[in-house]
Amino acid sequence: MNYLLKRGRLIDPLSNTDKITDIFISNGVIEKIGENISISVAHEEINLENKIIAPGFIDIHAHLREPGFEHKETIETGILSAIYGGFTAICCMPNTNPAIDSKEVAQKIIAKSNSTNYGIVDVYPIAAATKNREGKILNNFDDLKKSGCVAITDDGAPIWDDNLMELVLLESKKLNLPIIQHAEIPELANNGVMNYGKKSIELGVNGIPNISEYKMVLRDINLSEKTNGIYHVAHISAKESIELVRRAKEKKLKVSCEVTPHHFTLTDEIVSRENTNTKMNPPLRTKEDLDAIIEGLIDNTIEIIATDHAPHTDIEKKQNFETAPFGIVGFETAIGLTFTNLVEKGMLSVKNVIEKLSTNPRKLINKNIKIEVGENACFTFIDPKIKWKVDSLLFKSKSKNTPFNNFILTGKSVGIFNNGNLFMTIV
């Protein structure tokens, strides 16, 4: 198939490109980039005037739930949700059943993703650091990397043992494979269900204090310095953690972090017992923490935006606040929340946002893409000015758990191109 993308604004941070241009793609490969391209062969023309052409967005922190929890999400429904969110690639976390702790499980996930009707999205498994994520026996990272895994983590089960974490970081260095840590010390988290503070006291529920996160980040950064390992903090939320990462970067350590749209949009003031879609881990924190997140995004201490897409059924989320599961879906609101809260408010430029949703996360897992003649085409198309209302009933995800229902957002993906396939969500 031949496609001619017309009059789009190409923004590519990797090549420092920002221009209105046409792009001709033949059999999935970029053949021409320039103004007023004329093509004699049969092709489909896509009018992208007033739209942005960005290197394909990637979400490095998502839960597809399959195998084991297909009642929440499947690989196929997760991929479709990602398509409508504007993602050309997703990295799936290993808290499945069985966990992604063997090459067999990893390869089954990749094979299943490639066999869906939506093979336009690349699915990269993230491997469990320890057998069954139990924090005891290290998995074979070399085998897991060769099977297609792009990082290692025990996800919601933090690697708390100092000696084990040191071994993981040494393996990380040897294999050039980042370790992604859910930074939390369970004893300090105190079985909390929201941020510890004025609001948790008001609601009469156990709170999760900032120290449960930043004390783990401090330990891990010290071990990263000792081992020269590649350390990445998942869904950072506490102002103290951000400052620790900032200092680590000043020391040129291999330390990075990500933040979710819900953590730079909401605070614990929105939490209520009646709305379990405000329950996530790490929890929504205070305005002071949110301000620190914005500052970290601006100065690039926080260089990645990831959704932590965490589907749960309506029945699961309708439990009482203490027993309902943590997490919300994130693919389909990510671009809207990012443009609304960061671009429209003048916090970040469109180029900055593209770096955090594409360039930087791809660099972390060594999945860079080049927008050059002769390279495979991989694009996310965005209408940066479209205003739309979030309606969770229209989500393509199998689950609908979101605190953003009825929010009015600015900015939305209108389509993606990857693996030789075009999928326009808004024509």
Protein backbone atom coordinates (compact mmCIF):
# COMPACT_ATOMS: atom_id res chain seq x y z
CA MET A 1 0.00 0.00 0.00
CA ASN A 2 1.09 3.55 -0.78
CA TYR A 3 0.12 6.50 1.40
CA LEU A 4 0.69 10.23 0.96
CA LEU A 5 0.47 12.26 4.16
CA LYS A 6 -0.34 15.83 3.17
CA ARG A 7 0.46 19.13 4.86
CA GLY A 8 1.07 17.80 8.37
CA ARG A 9 3.28 19.51 10.94
CA LEU A 10 6.14 17.08 11.41
CA ILE A 11 7.72 17.43 14.86
CA ASP A 12 10.62 15.08 15.51
CA PRO A 13 12.78 15.91 18.56
CA LEU A 14 15.43 13.35 17.53
CA SER A 15 16.28 15.23 14.32
CA ASN A 16 15.17 18.62 15.70
CA THR A 17 12.58 18.89 12.93
CA ASP A 18 9.50 21.13 13.08
CA LYS A 19 7.99 21.88 9.67
CA ILE A 20 4.89 21.59 7.50
CA THR A 21 5.53 18.80 5.01
CA ASP A 22 4.24 15.89 2.96
CA ILE A 23 5.45 12.34 3.51
CA PHE A 24 5.14 9.52 0.98
CA ILE A 25 5.12 5.96 2.35
CA SER A 26 5.36 2.86 0.18
CA ASN A 27 5.05 -0.63 1.67
CA GLY A 28 5.61 0.80 5.13
CA VAL A 29 8.84 2.62 4.21
CA ILE A 30 9.33 6.38 4.00
CA GLU A 31 10.13 7.18 0.36
CA LYS A 32 9.89 10.98 0.27
CA ILE A 33 9.68 13.89 2.72
CA GLY A 34 9.07 17.37 1.30
CA GLU A 35 6.60 20.02 0.25
CA ASN A 36 3.98 19.47 -2.45
CA ILE A 37 4.96 15.87 -3.21
CA SER A 38 3.29 14.57 -6.37
CA ILE A 39 2.94 10.80 -6.84
CA SER A 40 2.01 9.03 -10.07
CA VAL A 41 1.43 5.56 -8.60
CA ALA A 42 -1.85 4.58 -6.95
CA HIS A 43 -2.00 5.73 -3.34
CA GLU A 44 -4.28 6.83 -0.52
CA GLU A 45 -3.99 10.50 0.40
CA ILE A 46 -4.39 11.54 4.04
CA ASN A 47 -5.06 15.23 4.70
CA LEU A 48 -3.22 16.19 7.88
CA GLU A 49 -3.53 19.96 7.62
CA ASN A 50 -3.50 21.52 11.12
CA LYS A 51 -2.50 18.13 12.51
CA ILE A 52 0.79 17.02 14.07
CA ILE A 53 2.86 14.13 12.73
CA ALA A 54 4.93 12.75 15.61
CA PRO A 55 7.23 9.74 15.92
CA GLY A 56 5.04 6.89 17.12
CA PHE A 57 4.09 7.23 20.79
CA ILE A 58 5.01 4.41 23.17
CA ASP A 59 3.64 3.63 26.63
CA ILE A 60 6.34 1.95 28.71
CA HIS A 61 4.05 1.13 31.65
CA ALA A 62 0.81 -0.70 30.91
CA HIS A 63 -1.12 -3.73 32.12
CA LEU A 64 -2.72 -5.93 29.47
CA ARG A 65 -3.85 -8.51 32.05
CA GLU A 66 -3.46 -11.48 29.69
CA PRO A 67 -2.67 -14.23 30.55
CA GLY A 68 -4.76 -14.87 33.63
CA PHE A 69 -7.03 -11.86 34.03
CA GLU A 70 -8.85 -11.64 30.71
CA HIS A 71 -12.04 -10.51 32.46
CA LYS A 72 -10.31 -7.13 32.95
CA GLU A 73 -8.52 -6.78 29.60
CA THR A 74 -7.14 -8.92 26.81
CA ILE A 75 -4.17 -8.32 24.58
CA GLU A 76 -6.55 -7.55 21.74
CA THR A 77 -8.80 -5.11 23.63
CA GLY A 78 -5.74 -3.45 25.17
CA ILE A 79 -4.18 -2.98 21.75
CA LEU A 80 -7.38 -1.47 20.36
CA SER A 81 -7.56 0.91 23.32
CA ALA A 82 -3.92 1.88 22.69
CA ILE A 83 -4.67 2.55 19.02
CA TYR A 84 -7.46 4.95 19.94
CA GLY A 85 -5.15 6.55 22.49
CA GLY A 86 -2.51 7.20 19.81
CA PHE A 87 0.09 4.63 20.86
CA THR A 88 2.06 2.64 18.30
CA ALA A 89 3.77 0.55 20.98
CA ILE A 90 3.06 -0.58 24.53
CA CYS A 91 5.19 -2.30 27.15
CA CYS A 92 3.17 -4.73 29.25
CA MET A 93 3.92 -5.37 32.90
CA PRO A 94 4.50 -8.89 34.27
CA ASN A 95 1.78 -9.06 36.94
CA THR A 96 -0.08 -11.70 34.92
CA ASN A 97 -0.84 -15.31 35.76
CA PRO A 98 1.56 -16.88 35.04
CA ALA A 99 3.92 -13.93 35.47
CA ILE A 100 6.20 -12.99 32.59
CA ASP A 101 9.09 -14.84 34.19
CA SER A 102 10.02 -17.19 31.34
CA LYS A 103 10.75 -16.91 27.65
CA GLU A 104 7.73 -19.10 26.92
CA VAL A 105 5.28 -16.64 28.49
CA ALA A 106 6.98 -13.65 26.85
CA GLN A 107 6.91 -15.26 23.42
CA LYS A 108 3.24 -16.24 23.78
CA ILE A 109 2.34 -12.61 24.53
CA ILE A 110 4.27 -11.36 21.51
CA ALA A 111 2.77 -14.04 19.26
CA LYS A 112 -0.74 -13.24 20.48
CA SER A 113 -0.23 -9.52 19.87
CA ASN A 114 1.05 -10.17 16.35
CA SER A 115 -1.91 -12.42 15.55
CA THR A 116 -4.61 -9.94 16.52
CA ASN A 117 -6.49 -7.90 13.94
CA TYR A 118 -4.60 -4.89 15.22
CA GLY A 119 -0.98 -5.91 14.63
CA ILE A 120 -0.31 -2.24 13.96
CA VAL A 121 0.78 -1.88 17.61
CA ASP A 122 4.10 -3.31 18.84
CA VAL A 123 3.82 -5.10 22.19
CA TYR A 124 7.02 -5.39 24.22
CA PRO A 125 6.84 -7.50 27.39
CA ILE A 126 8.59 -6.34 30.53
CA ALA A 127 9.99 -9.33 32.40
CA ALA A 128 9.57 -10.18 36.06
CA ALA A 129 12.83 -9.73 37.94
CA THR A 130 12.17 -12.70 40.23
CA LYS A 131 10.36 -16.00 39.87
CA ASN A 132 6.62 -15.37 40.11
CA ARG A 133 7.47 -11.84 41.34
CA GLU A 134 8.09 -13.24 44.82
CA GLY A 135 11.37 -11.41 45.45
CA LYS A 136 13.39 -14.58 46.09
CA ILE A 137 14.90 -16.22 43.00
CA LEU A 138 16.26 -14.17 40.10
CA ASN A 139 14.99 -15.02 36.63
CA ASN A 140 17.24 -15.60 33.62
CA PHE A 141 17.42 -12.05 32.29
CA ASP A 142 19.53 -13.03 29.30
CA ASP A 143 16.89 -15.52 28.11
CA LEU A 144 14.12 -13.03 28.74
CA LYS A 145 15.88 -10.30 26.78
CA LYS A 146 16.46 -12.67 23.86
CA SER A 147 12.75 -13.56 23.93
CA GLY A 148 11.81 -9.91 23.35
CA CYS A 149 11.57 -8.41 26.85
CA VAL A 150 12.77 -4.80 27.01
CA ALA A 151 13.10 -4.22 30.77
CA ILE A 152 12.81 -5.97 34.12
CA THR A 153 10.60 -5.30 37.13
CA ASP A 154 8.57 -6.99 39.81
CA ASP A 155 5.99 -4.26 39.19
CA GLY A 156 3.68 -3.77 42.20
CA ALA A 157 5.89 -6.06 44.28
CA PRO A 158 8.93 -3.85 45.03
CA ILE A 159 12.35 -5.49 45.16
CA TRP A 160 12.99 -4.70 48.81
CA ASP A 161 16.00 -6.93 49.61
CA ASP A 162 19.22 -4.89 49.31
CA ASN A 163 21.41 -7.76 48.13
CA LEU A 164 18.87 -8.91 45.56
CA MET A 165 18.41 -5.39 44.19
CA GLU A 166 22.18 -5.05 43.86
CA LEU A 167 22.31 -8.26 41.85
CA VAL A 168 19.45 -7.05 39.64
CA LEU A 169 21.26 -3.79 38.95
CA LEU A 170 24.47 -5.62 38.10
CA GLU A 171 22.54 -7.73 35.59
CA SER A 172 20.93 -4.54 34.30
CA LYS A 173 24.36 -3.09 33.57
CA LYS A 174 25.67 -6.27 31.96
CA LEU A 175 22.68 -6.71 29.64
CA ASN A 176 21.90 -3.00 29.07
CA LEU A 177 18.41 -3.70 30.36
CA PRO A 178 16.68 -1.12 32.60
CA ILE A 179 15.25 -2.14 35.97
CA ILE A 180 11.90 -0.45 36.59
CA GLN A 181 11.03 -0.18 40.27
CA HIS A 182 7.66 0.35 41.90
CA ALA A 183 9.30 2.35 44.67
CA GLU A 184 7.52 1.55 47.90
CA ILE A 185 8.51 0.15 51.27
CA PRO A 186 5.48 -1.95 52.30
CA GLU A 187 6.04 -1.52 56.04
CA LEU A 188 6.00 2.26 55.67
CA ALA A 189 3.02 2.18 53.31
CA ASN A 190 1.08 0.79 56.28
CA ASN A 191 -1.60 -0.95 54.17
CA GLY A 192 -2.69 2.49 53.08
CA VAL A 193 -5.31 3.11 50.41
CA MET A 194 -4.66 6.78 49.61
CA ASN A 195 -2.13 9.51 50.35
CA TYR A 196 -1.43 10.10 54.02
CA GLY A 197 -2.45 13.59 55.03
CA LYS A 198 -5.33 15.86 55.91
CA LYS A 199 -7.71 14.16 53.47
CA SER A 200 -7.00 10.59 54.62
CA ILE A 201 -7.53 11.64 58.23
CA GLU A 202 -10.79 13.34 57.24
CA LEU A 203 -11.99 10.18 55.45
CA GLY A 204 -10.79 7.91 58.26
CA VAL A 205 -8.66 5.63 56.08
CA ASN A 206 -5.05 4.47 56.28
CA GLY A 207 -2.73 6.72 54.31
CA ILE A 208 0.44 6.01 52.33
CA PRO A 209 3.09 8.59 53.31
CA ASN A 210 5.65 10.05 50.91
CA ILE A 211 8.47 8.44 52.88
CA SER A 212 7.37 4.97 51.77
CA GLU A 213 8.30 5.99 48.22
CA TYR A 214 11.29 8.26 48.57
CA LYS A 215 13.14 6.09 51.09
CA MET A 216 13.08 3.25 48.53
CA VAL A 217 14.19 5.64 45.76
CA LEU A 218 17.10 6.77 47.94
CA ARG A 219 18.21 3.19 48.58
CA ASP A 220 17.94 2.29 44.90
CA ILE A 221 19.86 5.34 43.71
CA ASN A 222 22.68 4.52 46.11
CA LEU A 223 22.79 0.97 44.74
CA SER A 224 22.65 2.28 41.19
CA GLU A 225 25.67 4.47 41.89
CA LYS A 226 27.51 1.49 43.38
CA THR A 227 26.74 -0.85 40.47
CA ASN A 228 26.41 1.58 37.55
CA GLY A 229 23.09 -0.16 36.81
CA ILE A 230 20.22 1.31 34.78
CA TYR A 231 17.53 2.35 37.25
CA HIS A 232 14.09 3.75 36.41
CA VAL A 233 11.45 4.89 38.90
CA ALA A 234 7.93 3.93 37.83
CA HIS A 235 5.04 6.41 38.29
CA ILE A 236 6.92 8.83 40.54
CA SER A 237 4.59 10.79 42.83
CA ALA A 238 6.37 12.37 45.82
CA LYS A 239 8.23 15.69 45.74
CA GLU A 240 11.12 14.21 47.75
CA SER A 241 11.55 11.38 45.22
CA ILE A 242 11.74 13.88 42.37
CA GLU A 243 14.46 15.81 44.14
CA LEU A 244 16.45 12.62 44.68
CA VAL A 245 16.25 11.81 40.96
CA ARG A 246 17.27 15.38 40.13
CA ARG A 247 20.41 15.03 42.28
CA ALA A 248 21.20 11.64 40.73
CA LYS A 249 21.01 13.16 37.26
CA GLU A 250 23.36 15.94 38.35
CA LYS A 251 25.83 13.17 39.27
CA LYS A 252 25.34 11.64 35.78
CA LEU A 253 23.98 8.38 37.19
CA LYS A 254 21.91 6.07 34.96
CA VAL A 255 18.73 7.08 36.75
CA SER A 256 15.42 8.10 35.18
CA CYS A 257 11.75 8.29 36.05
CA GLU A 258 8.26 8.53 34.62
CA VAL A 259 5.03 10.19 35.71
CA THR A 260 1.41 9.40 34.87
CA PRO A 261 -1.14 11.92 33.56
CA HIS A 262 -3.31 11.35 36.64
CA HIS A 263 -0.47 12.38 38.93
CA PHE A 264 0.09 15.68 37.12
CA THR A 265 -3.66 16.34 36.86
CA LEU A 266 -5.29 15.39 40.18
CA THR A 267 -4.55 15.67 43.90
CA ASP A 268 -5.85 13.78 46.92
CA GLU A 269 -8.51 16.46 47.36
CA ILE A 270 -10.60 14.67 44.72
CA VAL A 271 -10.52 11.34 46.61
CA SER A 272 -13.81 10.15 48.08
CA ARG A 273 -15.04 6.88 49.51
CA GLU A 274 -17.77 6.82 46.88
CA ASN A 275 -15.40 7.06 43.89
CA THR A 276 -12.91 4.18 43.90
CA ASN A 277 -11.61 5.41 40.54
CA THR A 278 -9.64 7.91 42.63
CA LYS A 279 -7.78 5.00 44.25
CA MET A 280 -4.42 4.20 42.69
CA ASN A 281 -0.93 3.24 43.81
CA PRO A 282 1.09 5.36 44.19
CA PRO A 283 -1.80 7.47 45.42
CA LEU A 284 -2.87 10.90 44.26
CA ARG A 285 -0.83 13.20 46.46
CA THR A 286 -0.96 16.86 47.51
CA LYS A 287 -0.87 20.09 45.52
CA GLU A 288 2.72 20.52 46.72
CA ASP A 289 3.65 17.17 45.17
CA LEU A 290 1.79 18.00 41.96
CA ASP A 291 3.68 21.31 41.70
CA ALA A 292 6.96 19.41 42.15
CA ILE A 293 5.91 17.02 39.36
CA ILE A 294 5.24 19.94 37.02
CA GLU A 295 8.63 21.44 37.91
CA GLY A 296 10.26 18.06 37.27
CA LEU A 297 8.59 17.81 33.87
CA ILE A 298 9.73 21.31 32.94
CA ASP A 299 13.39 20.81 33.89
CA ASN A 300 13.38 17.25 32.48
CA THR A 301 14.06 15.54 35.78
CA ILE A 302 10.95 13.61 34.74
CA GLU A 303 11.66 12.74 31.11
CA ILE A 304 8.90 10.20 30.45
CA ILE A 305 5.10 10.19 30.60
CA ALA A 306 3.54 6.72 30.96
CA THR A 307 -0.07 5.79 31.68
CA ASP A 308 0.10 2.84 34.11
CA HIS A 309 -3.00 1.62 32.23
CA ALA A 310 -4.60 -0.65 34.86
CA PRO A 311 -7.98 -2.11 33.83
CA HIS A 312 -10.42 -3.41 36.45
CA THR A 313 -14.03 -4.44 36.02
CA ASP A 314 -16.95 -2.36 37.23
CA ILE A 315 -17.81 -5.03 39.81
CA GLU A 316 -14.27 -4.95 41.22
CA LYS A 317 -14.26 -1.17 41.45
CA LYS A 318 -17.70 -1.09 43.08
CA GLN A 319 -16.33 -2.67 46.24
CA ASN A 320 -15.83 -0.39 49.25
CA PHE A 321 -12.84 1.95 49.11
CA GLU A 322 -10.60 -0.17 51.35
CA THR A 323 -11.02 -3.39 49.34
CA ALA A 324 -11.39 -2.08 45.77
CA PRO A 325 -8.29 -2.62 43.61
CA PHE A 326 -5.83 0.17 42.86
CA GLY A 327 -5.64 1.62 39.35
CA ILE A 328 -7.35 3.24 36.38
CA VAL A 329 -7.29 2.86 32.60
CA GLY A 330 -5.07 5.37 30.84
CA PHE A 331 -4.48 4.83 27.11
CA GLU A 332 -7.41 6.81 25.75
CA THR A 333 -7.10 9.91 27.95
CA ALA A 334 -3.28 10.28 27.99
CA ILE A 335 -2.86 12.69 25.07
CA GLY A 336 -5.87 14.80 26.06
CA LEU A 337 -4.72 15.15 29.67
CA THR A 338 -1.16 15.93 28.59
CA PHE A 339 -2.09 18.61 26.08
CA THR A 340 -4.77 20.10 28.35
CA ASN A 341 -2.65 20.31 31.48
CA LEU A 342 0.82 20.87 30.08
CA VAL A 343 0.67 22.35 26.56
CA GLU A 344 -2.46 24.50 26.84
CA LYS A 345 -1.26 25.92 30.17
CA GLY A 346 2.15 26.78 28.71
CA MET A 347 4.09 24.37 30.92
CA LEU A 348 5.62 22.37 28.05
CA SER A 349 5.91 22.81 24.30
CA VAL A 350 4.48 20.26 21.87
CA LYS A 351 8.06 19.17 21.17
CA ASN A 352 8.66 18.60 24.90
CA VAL A 353 5.52 16.45 25.13
CA ILE A 354 6.53 14.36 22.10
CA GLU A 355 9.94 13.78 23.69
CA LYS A 356 8.26 12.46 26.85
CA LEU A 357 5.74 10.27 25.04
CA SER A 358 8.00 8.97 22.28
CA THR A 359 11.66 9.93 22.02
CA ASN A 360 12.70 9.47 25.66
CA PRO A 361 10.83 6.25 26.50
CA ARG A 362 12.03 4.69 23.24
CA LYS A 363 15.59 5.63 24.15
CA LEU A 364 15.25 3.98 27.57
CA ILE A 365 14.31 0.60 26.06
CA ASN A 366 16.45 0.91 22.90
CA LYS A 367 13.53 1.13 20.47
CA ASN A 368 14.41 4.39 18.73
CA ILE A 369 12.81 5.28 15.42
CA LYS A 370 14.14 7.61 12.72
CA ILE A 371 12.00 9.75 10.48
CA GLU A 372 14.19 9.59 7.39
CA VAL A 373 13.90 8.38 3.81
CA GLY A 374 14.49 4.62 3.75
CA GLU A 375 13.32 4.06 7.34
CA ASN A 376 10.16 2.22 8.39
CA ALA A 377 7.31 4.64 9.00
CA CYS A 378 5.98 4.87 12.55
CA PHE A 379 3.77 7.85 13.34
CA THR A 380 1.17 9.21 15.74
CA PHE A 381 -1.16 11.83 14.27
CA ILE A 382 -2.58 14.45 16.66
CA ASP A 383 -5.16 17.20 16.46
CA PRO A 384 -3.78 19.52 19.16
CA LYS A 385 -6.81 21.84 19.26
CA ILE A 386 -9.77 19.48 19.14
CA LYS A 387 -11.97 19.70 22.24
CA TRP A 388 -13.74 16.55 23.35
CA LYS A 389 -15.64 15.13 26.30
CA VAL A 390 -14.47 11.95 27.97
CA ASP A 391 -17.15 9.25 27.81
CA SER A 392 -15.89 6.03 29.39
CA LEU A 393 -18.68 4.04 27.75
CA LEU A 394 -16.98 4.73 24.42
CA PHE A 395 -13.61 3.41 25.56
CA LYS A 396 -12.24 0.54 23.52
CA SER A 397 -10.68 -0.93 26.64
CA LYS A 398 -12.61 -3.82 28.16
CA SER A 399 -12.68 -1.91 31.45
CA LYS A 400 -13.98 1.61 31.99
CA ASN A 401 -12.42 2.59 35.33
CA THR A 402 -11.48 6.25 35.04
CA PRO A 403 -11.84 9.34 37.26
CA PHE A 404 -11.94 11.52 34.14
CA ASN A 405 -15.43 10.71 32.88
CA ASN A 406 -17.11 13.90 31.55
CA PHE A 407 -13.85 15.89 31.62
CA ILE A 408 -13.52 18.31 28.70
CA LEU A 409 -10.05 17.87 27.19
CA THR A 410 -8.08 19.54 24.40
CA GLY A 411 -5.95 17.42 22.06
CA LYS A 412 -6.51 13.93 20.75
CA SER A 413 -4.92 11.36 18.48
CA VAL A 414 -6.62 11.09 15.09
CA GLY A 415 -4.70 8.02 13.94
CA ILE A 416 -1.47 6.06 13.84
CA PHE A 417 0.76 4.42 11.23
CA ASN A 418 3.03 1.48 12.03
CA ASN A 419 4.16 -1.85 10.55
CA GLY A 420 2.88 -0.80 7.13
CA ASN A 421 -0.64 -0.19 8.40
CA LEU A 422 -2.71 2.96 8.71
CA PHE A 423 -5.49 3.28 11.29
CA MET A 424 -7.38 6.60 11.38
CA THR A 425 -9.57 6.98 14.47
CA ILE A 426 -10.99 10.34 13.37
CA VAL A 427 -11.45 11.01 9.66
